[in-house]
Protein backbone atom coordinates (compact mmCIF):
# COMPACT_ATOMS: atom_id res chain seq x y z
CA MET A 1 32.74 3.67 10.33
CA THR A 2 28.94 4.33 10.97
CA ASP A 3 26.23 3.22 9.73
CA ALA A 4 25.73 6.11 7.19
CA ARG A 5 29.09 5.50 6.14
CA ASP A 6 28.45 1.87 5.51
CA LYS A 7 25.18 2.39 3.60
CA LEU A 8 27.15 4.96 1.29
CA THR A 9 30.26 2.51 1.02
CA ALA A 10 27.91 -0.35 -0.07
CA MET A 11 25.55 1.97 -2.31
CA ASN A 12 29.00 3.02 -4.21
CA ALA A 13 29.43 0.02 -4.27
CA ARG A 14 26.25 -1.72 -6.54
CA ALA A 15 26.02 1.56 -8.07
CA ALA A 16 30.09 0.77 -9.80
CA ALA A 17 29.17 -2.52 -10.70
CA LEU A 18 26.38 -0.98 -12.52
CA TYR A 19 28.46 1.20 -14.06
CA LYS A 20 30.63 -1.52 -15.64
CA ALA A 21 27.31 -3.71 -16.92
CA ASP A 22 26.22 -0.91 -18.55
CA PRO A 23 28.63 1.54 -19.13
CA LYS A 24 26.87 3.31 -21.86
CA THR A 25 23.55 4.28 -19.80
CA MET A 26 25.10 5.22 -17.20
CA ALA A 27 27.53 7.46 -18.44
CA ALA A 28 24.50 8.96 -19.80
CA PHE A 29 23.11 9.20 -16.05
CA ARG A 30 26.60 10.23 -15.14
CA GLY A 31 26.42 13.26 -17.15
CA LEU A 32 22.28 14.20 -16.41
CA MET A 33 23.66 14.19 -12.98
CA THR A 34 26.60 16.97 -13.76
CA ALA A 35 24.35 18.88 -16.05
CA ALA A 36 22.14 18.96 -13.24
CA GLY A 37 24.03 19.52 -11.17
CA ARG A 38 26.06 22.69 -12.27
CA GLU A 39 27.07 25.88 -10.90
CA GLY A 40 24.14 28.70 -11.69
CA ARG A 41 21.76 30.87 -10.01
CA ILE A 42 21.44 27.98 -7.16
CA SER A 43 24.41 26.52 -5.81
CA PRO A 44 25.13 23.27 -6.27
CA ALA A 45 23.98 22.84 -2.41
CA MET A 46 21.18 23.73 -3.05
CA LYS A 47 20.27 21.57 -6.04
CA GLU A 48 21.86 19.02 -3.64
CA LEU A 49 19.38 19.72 -0.23
CA ILE A 50 16.59 19.56 -3.54
CA ALA A 51 17.19 16.45 -4.45
CA LEU A 52 16.97 15.23 -0.78
CA ALA A 53 13.49 16.20 -0.06
CA VAL A 54 12.82 14.30 -3.61
CA ALA A 55 14.21 10.96 -1.86
CA ILE A 56 12.43 12.36 1.21
CA GLY A 57 9.47 11.87 -0.75
CA ARG A 58 10.25 9.21 -2.60
CA GLY A 59 11.43 7.47 0.59
CA CYS A 60 14.43 5.89 -1.10
CA GLU A 61 16.82 6.02 1.65
CA ASP A 62 19.95 5.08 -0.73
CA CYS A 63 18.80 8.70 -2.06
CA VAL A 64 18.55 10.45 1.02
CA ILE A 65 21.49 8.80 2.57
CA PHE A 66 23.90 9.92 -0.41
CA HIS A 67 22.19 13.50 -1.81
CA THR A 68 22.43 14.14 2.22
CA SER A 69 26.69 13.43 1.33
CA GLU A 70 26.52 15.52 -1.27
CA ALA A 71 25.08 18.29 0.35
CA ARG A 72 27.61 18.41 3.20
CA SER A 73 30.12 18.30 1.02
CA HIS A 74 29.28 21.02 -1.50
CA GLY A 75 29.23 22.88 1.73
CA ALA A 76 25.73 22.78 3.25
CA SER A 77 24.76 23.52 6.70
CA ARG A 78 22.73 21.91 9.42
CA ASP A 79 20.81 24.12 9.52
CA GLU A 80 19.56 24.43 5.86
CA LEU A 81 19.30 20.64 5.74
CA LEU A 82 16.71 21.31 8.70
CA GLU A 83 14.39 23.52 6.76
CA VAL A 84 14.61 21.16 4.16
CA LEU A 85 13.66 18.38 6.47
CA ALA A 86 10.48 20.68 7.66
CA VAL A 87 9.37 21.13 3.55
CA ALA A 88 10.31 17.21 3.20
CA ILE A 89 7.99 16.89 6.19
CA GLU A 90 4.97 18.84 5.44
CA MET A 91 4.67 17.76 1.91
CA SER A 92 5.13 14.29 2.88
CA GLY A 93 3.57 13.61 6.11
CA GLY A 94 4.59 10.40 7.89
CA PRO A 95 6.57 9.09 6.05
CA GLY A 96 8.80 11.94 5.47
CA THR A 97 9.25 12.02 8.96
CA VAL A 98 10.78 9.24 8.91
CA TYR A 99 13.23 9.62 6.16
CA ALA A 100 13.84 12.96 7.71
CA ALA A 101 15.11 11.31 10.56
CA LYS A 102 17.63 9.09 8.69
CA SER A 103 18.78 11.94 6.65
CA LEU A 104 19.47 13.94 9.69
CA ALA A 105 21.01 11.05 11.54
CA ALA A 106 23.74 10.56 8.08
CA PHE A 107 24.15 14.30 7.70
CA ASP A 108 26.01 13.79 11.80
CA GLU A 109 27.83 10.96 11.34
CA LEU A 110 28.69 12.05 7.63
């Protein structure tokens, strides 16, 4: 298993524990994620790439891996990912470069 897969598995286990501990709040959060990710004028893949850019800007490694995985599962291409990473780097500077590199590595590993 790759580093990105290991981190994704561990993150999902932590999320499952939180869902079990507070199902009401987490069900509401899941509902928000579902509503925001629904099909519309912007595809789910593009929405995940937007979420990824925000995650890079916020410096959330787990979020970077999660949204990279979701973007890939929704059909985002490596070229689309690279364009989004360029925008994230533009808006986030040096720290964005670090997290953009993590996203690219995760995309290639997943």
